[in-house]
């Protein structure tokens, strides 16, 4: 798992601290799948250390129409959907379908922008290492895991800078291995509290990181 109450300078520092925890996968048949945008600087450090390719799993949250920060579910660029069925029953289905399509198109736009038409790396028979700068409830990462599972990887590893204890325990049951640099006994409520610099990662930064990934 990880040490308690550790802080990171920034996402690059988080990636450098996370990579040694995954060292057994160096030069193995592994792919690092970062969740943009915040997971990309972390994932780049991990992929570079493990000498394996870096790709993306792009997941978009579908927020409640009245409370956008509250997630009804999430969807991937190819339309793989995980949704809270009880909450879905309370909203207009026409609105939901339109919003789902909007988020799918945004996910596709991001892949095209970030990777300029490069084909996604299939996870089949590979060690799929899903990386992000942190998780709170883990709903977005859960969608990413379920999507990658469809491609029948040899193993799924979720590798995170910081995670609440309860979320870590849930993912440990969901995937083959869960790795976190820090799992605080009392989670402070937001990932940003564990970073000195948690400024938003821009599209331009993601493009530069992926262009210069060296794998």
Protein backbone atom coordinates (compact mmCIF):
# COMPACT_ATOMS: atom_id res chain seq x y z
CA UNK A 1 0.00 0.00 0.00
CA UNK A 2 1.81 3.16 1.10
CA UNK A 3 2.97 5.51 3.80
CA UNK A 4 0.55 7.72 5.71
CA UNK A 5 0.19 11.49 5.36
CA UNK A 6 2.92 12.05 2.77
CA UNK A 7 2.91 15.25 0.74
CA UNK A 8 4.10 15.79 -2.83
CA UNK A 9 5.78 18.83 -4.34
CA UNK A 10 3.87 18.34 -7.60
CA UNK A 11 2.67 15.59 -9.94
CA UNK A 12 6.17 14.91 -11.25
CA UNK A 13 7.34 14.31 -7.69
CA UNK A 14 4.34 11.99 -7.18
CA UNK A 15 5.30 10.01 -10.29
CA UNK A 16 8.91 9.69 -9.16
CA UNK A 17 7.74 8.36 -5.77
CA UNK A 18 5.19 6.00 -7.31
CA UNK A 19 7.51 4.43 -9.90
CA UNK A 20 9.76 2.48 -7.44
CA UNK A 21 6.66 0.76 -6.02
CA UNK A 22 6.10 -0.72 -9.49
CA UNK A 23 9.70 -1.64 -10.25
CA UNK A 24 8.90 -5.35 -10.69
CA UNK A 25 7.12 -4.42 -13.92
CA UNK A 26 10.22 -2.80 -15.45
CA UNK A 27 10.94 -4.18 -18.93
CA UNK A 28 7.86 -6.42 -18.67
CA UNK A 29 4.97 -6.58 -21.14
CA UNK A 30 3.31 -3.60 -19.49
CA UNK A 31 1.50 -0.45 -20.60
CA UNK A 32 0.88 2.60 -18.43
CA UNK A 33 -2.58 4.07 -18.98
CA UNK A 34 -2.80 7.57 -17.52
CA UNK A 35 -6.11 9.31 -16.79
CA UNK A 36 -5.91 12.82 -18.24
CA UNK A 37 -5.27 15.39 -17.47
CA UNK A 38 -3.79 15.20 -13.97
CA UNK A 39 -2.65 11.60 -14.30
CA UNK A 40 -0.46 12.27 -17.33
CA UNK A 41 2.56 13.88 -15.59
CA UNK A 42 2.45 11.07 -13.01
CA UNK A 43 2.05 8.40 -15.67
CA UNK A 44 4.91 9.75 -17.76
CA UNK A 45 7.32 9.40 -14.83
CA UNK A 46 6.12 5.85 -14.18
CA UNK A 47 6.30 4.80 -17.85
CA UNK A 48 9.79 6.26 -18.21
CA UNK A 49 11.03 4.44 -15.10
CA UNK A 50 9.47 1.12 -16.15
CA UNK A 51 10.59 1.54 -19.79
CA UNK A 52 7.13 0.81 -21.11
CA UNK A 53 4.65 2.62 -23.40
CA UNK A 54 2.35 5.38 -22.16
CA UNK A 55 -1.24 5.68 -23.35
CA UNK A 56 -4.47 7.20 -22.06
CA UNK A 57 -7.81 6.02 -20.73
CA UNK A 58 -10.10 9.00 -21.19
CA UNK A 59 -13.10 8.99 -18.85
CA UNK A 60 -15.66 11.79 -18.61
CA UNK A 61 -17.93 12.37 -15.65
CA UNK A 62 -21.66 12.84 -16.28
CA UNK A 63 -22.76 15.38 -13.71
CA UNK A 64 -26.26 15.81 -12.31
CA UNK A 65 -28.21 18.48 -14.27
CA UNK A 66 -28.93 20.46 -11.09
CA UNK A 67 -25.67 19.71 -9.26
CA UNK A 68 -22.91 19.26 -11.89
CA UNK A 69 -20.28 18.31 -9.30
CA UNK A 70 -22.39 15.30 -8.28
CA UNK A 71 -21.67 12.42 -10.67
CA UNK A 72 -24.53 10.35 -12.05
CA UNK A 73 -21.91 8.20 -13.72
CA UNK A 74 -19.01 8.30 -16.13
CA UNK A 75 -18.34 7.26 -19.71
CA UNK A 76 -15.30 6.41 -21.82
CA UNK A 77 -14.51 7.62 -25.33
CA UNK A 78 -15.90 4.40 -26.84
CA UNK A 79 -19.17 4.68 -24.93
CA UNK A 80 -18.50 2.32 -22.02
CA UNK A 81 -20.83 3.59 -19.30
CA UNK A 82 -21.11 3.10 -15.55
CA UNK A 83 -24.09 4.86 -13.99
CA UNK A 84 -25.96 5.08 -10.69
CA UNK A 85 -29.28 3.55 -11.79
CA UNK A 86 -31.24 4.90 -8.82
CA UNK A 87 -30.11 8.47 -9.52
CA UNK A 88 -30.56 8.02 -13.28
CA UNK A 89 -34.24 7.20 -12.72
CA UNK A 90 -34.70 10.68 -11.22
CA UNK A 91 -33.52 12.68 -14.24
CA UNK A 92 -34.87 13.21 -17.74
CA UNK A 93 -33.61 10.34 -19.91
CA UNK A 94 -33.51 12.54 -23.02
CA UNK A 95 -31.22 15.00 -21.24
CA UNK A 96 -29.06 12.13 -19.99
CA UNK A 97 -28.60 10.59 -23.43
CA UNK A 98 -27.67 13.98 -24.90
CA UNK A 99 -25.20 14.66 -22.07
CA UNK A 100 -23.68 11.19 -22.43
CA UNK A 101 -23.10 11.78 -26.14
CA UNK A 102 -21.62 15.20 -25.40
CA UNK A 103 -19.13 13.69 -22.98
CA UNK A 104 -18.23 10.88 -25.41
CA UNK A 105 -17.51 13.47 -28.09
CA UNK A 106 -15.38 15.48 -25.64
CA UNK A 107 -13.41 12.34 -24.76
CA UNK A 108 -12.84 11.61 -28.45
CA UNK A 109 -11.81 15.22 -29.04
CA UNK A 110 -9.24 14.97 -26.29
CA UNK A 111 -7.72 11.75 -27.65
CA UNK A 112 -7.43 13.25 -31.13
CA UNK A 113 -5.93 16.44 -29.71
CA UNK A 114 -3.50 14.69 -27.39
CA UNK A 115 -2.40 11.79 -29.61
CA UNK A 116 -3.01 13.17 -33.12
CA UNK A 117 -4.73 10.08 -34.51
CA UNK A 118 -2.38 7.49 -32.99
CA UNK A 119 -4.19 4.22 -32.36
CA UNK A 120 -4.82 3.27 -28.70
CA UNK A 121 -2.59 0.53 -27.30
CA UNK A 122 -4.74 -2.53 -26.67
CA UNK A 123 -4.38 -4.06 -23.22
CA UNK A 124 -4.94 -7.66 -24.35
CA UNK A 125 -2.46 -10.02 -22.63
CA UNK A 126 -0.53 -7.08 -21.21
CA UNK A 127 0.03 -5.80 -17.68
CA UNK A 128 -2.24 -2.74 -17.65
CA UNK A 129 -1.09 -0.13 -15.11
CA UNK A 130 -3.73 2.58 -14.61
CA UNK A 131 -2.25 5.76 -13.15
CA UNK A 132 -3.72 8.96 -11.70
CA UNK A 133 -2.58 11.76 -9.39
CA UNK A 134 -5.00 10.56 -6.73
CA UNK A 135 -8.50 9.24 -6.14
CA UNK A 136 -11.21 10.22 -3.69
CA UNK A 137 -14.38 8.17 -4.31
CA UNK A 138 -12.67 6.40 -7.21
CA UNK A 139 -15.71 6.50 -9.51
CA UNK A 140 -13.77 7.68 -12.56
CA UNK A 141 -10.99 5.16 -12.05
CA UNK A 142 -13.58 2.40 -11.61
CA UNK A 143 -14.95 3.13 -15.09
CA UNK A 144 -11.42 3.07 -16.49
CA UNK A 145 -10.79 -0.30 -14.83
CA UNK A 146 -14.01 -1.82 -16.18
CA UNK A 147 -13.21 -0.51 -19.66
CA UNK A 148 -9.68 -1.96 -19.66
CA UNK A 149 -10.98 -5.28 -18.27
CA UNK A 150 -12.98 -5.69 -21.48
CA UNK A 151 -9.70 -5.90 -23.40
CA UNK A 152 -8.64 -8.96 -21.36
CA UNK A 153 -5.26 -7.85 -19.99
CA UNK A 154 -3.02 -10.37 -18.23
CA UNK A 155 -3.17 -8.21 -15.11
CA UNK A 156 -4.68 -4.90 -13.99
CA UNK A 157 -2.75 -2.69 -11.59
CA UNK A 158 -4.13 0.60 -10.26
CA UNK A 159 -1.29 2.91 -9.23
CA UNK A 160 -2.16 6.12 -7.40
CA UNK A 161 -0.30 8.87 -5.59
CA UNK A 162 -2.88 9.25 -2.80
CA UNK A 163 -6.08 7.42 -1.86
CA UNK A 164 -8.48 7.24 1.09
CA UNK A 165 -8.22 4.00 3.04
CA UNK A 166 -11.76 2.85 2.20
CA UNK A 167 -11.27 3.46 -1.53
CA UNK A 168 -7.94 1.61 -1.48
CA UNK A 169 -9.61 -1.39 0.16
CA UNK A 170 -12.38 -1.40 -2.43
CA UNK A 171 -9.95 -1.30 -5.35
CA UNK A 172 -7.78 -3.99 -3.81
CA UNK A 173 -10.81 -6.28 -4.27
CA UNK A 174 -11.54 -4.98 -7.79
CA UNK A 175 -8.12 -5.33 -9.44
CA UNK A 176 -5.10 -7.63 -9.32
CA UNK A 177 -2.96 -5.09 -7.48
CA UNK A 178 -3.54 -1.67 -5.94
CA UNK A 179 -0.53 0.54 -5.25
CA UNK A 180 -0.53 3.97 -3.58
CA UNK A 181 2.32 6.11 -2.32
CA UNK A 182 0.23 7.37 0.58
CA UNK A 183 -3.01 6.14 2.15
CA UNK A 184 -3.90 8.56 4.97
CA UNK A 185 -5.77 7.21 7.97
CA UNK A 186 -7.97 10.31 7.78
CA UNK A 187 -8.46 11.59 4.23
CA UNK A 188 -8.65 15.38 4.05
CA UNK A 189 -11.41 15.36 1.46
CA UNK A 190 -9.56 16.51 -1.65
CA UNK A 191 -6.50 15.26 -3.51
CA UNK A 192 -5.09 18.77 -3.79
CA UNK A 193 -4.46 18.94 -0.04
CA UNK A 194 -1.63 16.44 -0.51
CA UNK A 195 0.22 18.55 -3.09
CA UNK A 196 2.18 21.77 -2.70
CA UNK A 197 1.44 22.49 -6.39
CA UNK A 198 -1.82 21.05 -7.69
CA UNK A 199 -2.42 23.54 -10.47
CA UNK A 200 -4.55 22.34 -13.37
CA UNK A 201 -2.75 20.52 -16.17
CA UNK A 202 -3.49 22.13 -19.55
CA UNK A 203 -4.18 20.39 -22.86
CA UNK A 204 -0.89 21.83 -24.12
CA UNK A 205 1.05 20.28 -21.23
CA UNK A 206 -0.55 16.88 -21.90
CA UNK A 207 0.39 17.11 -25.59
CA UNK A 208 4.00 17.99 -24.75
CA UNK A 209 4.29 15.17 -22.21
CA UNK A 210 2.93 12.61 -24.65
CA UNK A 211 5.06 13.90 -27.52
CA UNK A 212 8.20 13.65 -25.41
CA UNK A 213 7.36 10.38 -23.69
CA UNK A 214 10.30 8.61 -25.29
CA UNK A 215 8.64 5.21 -25.57
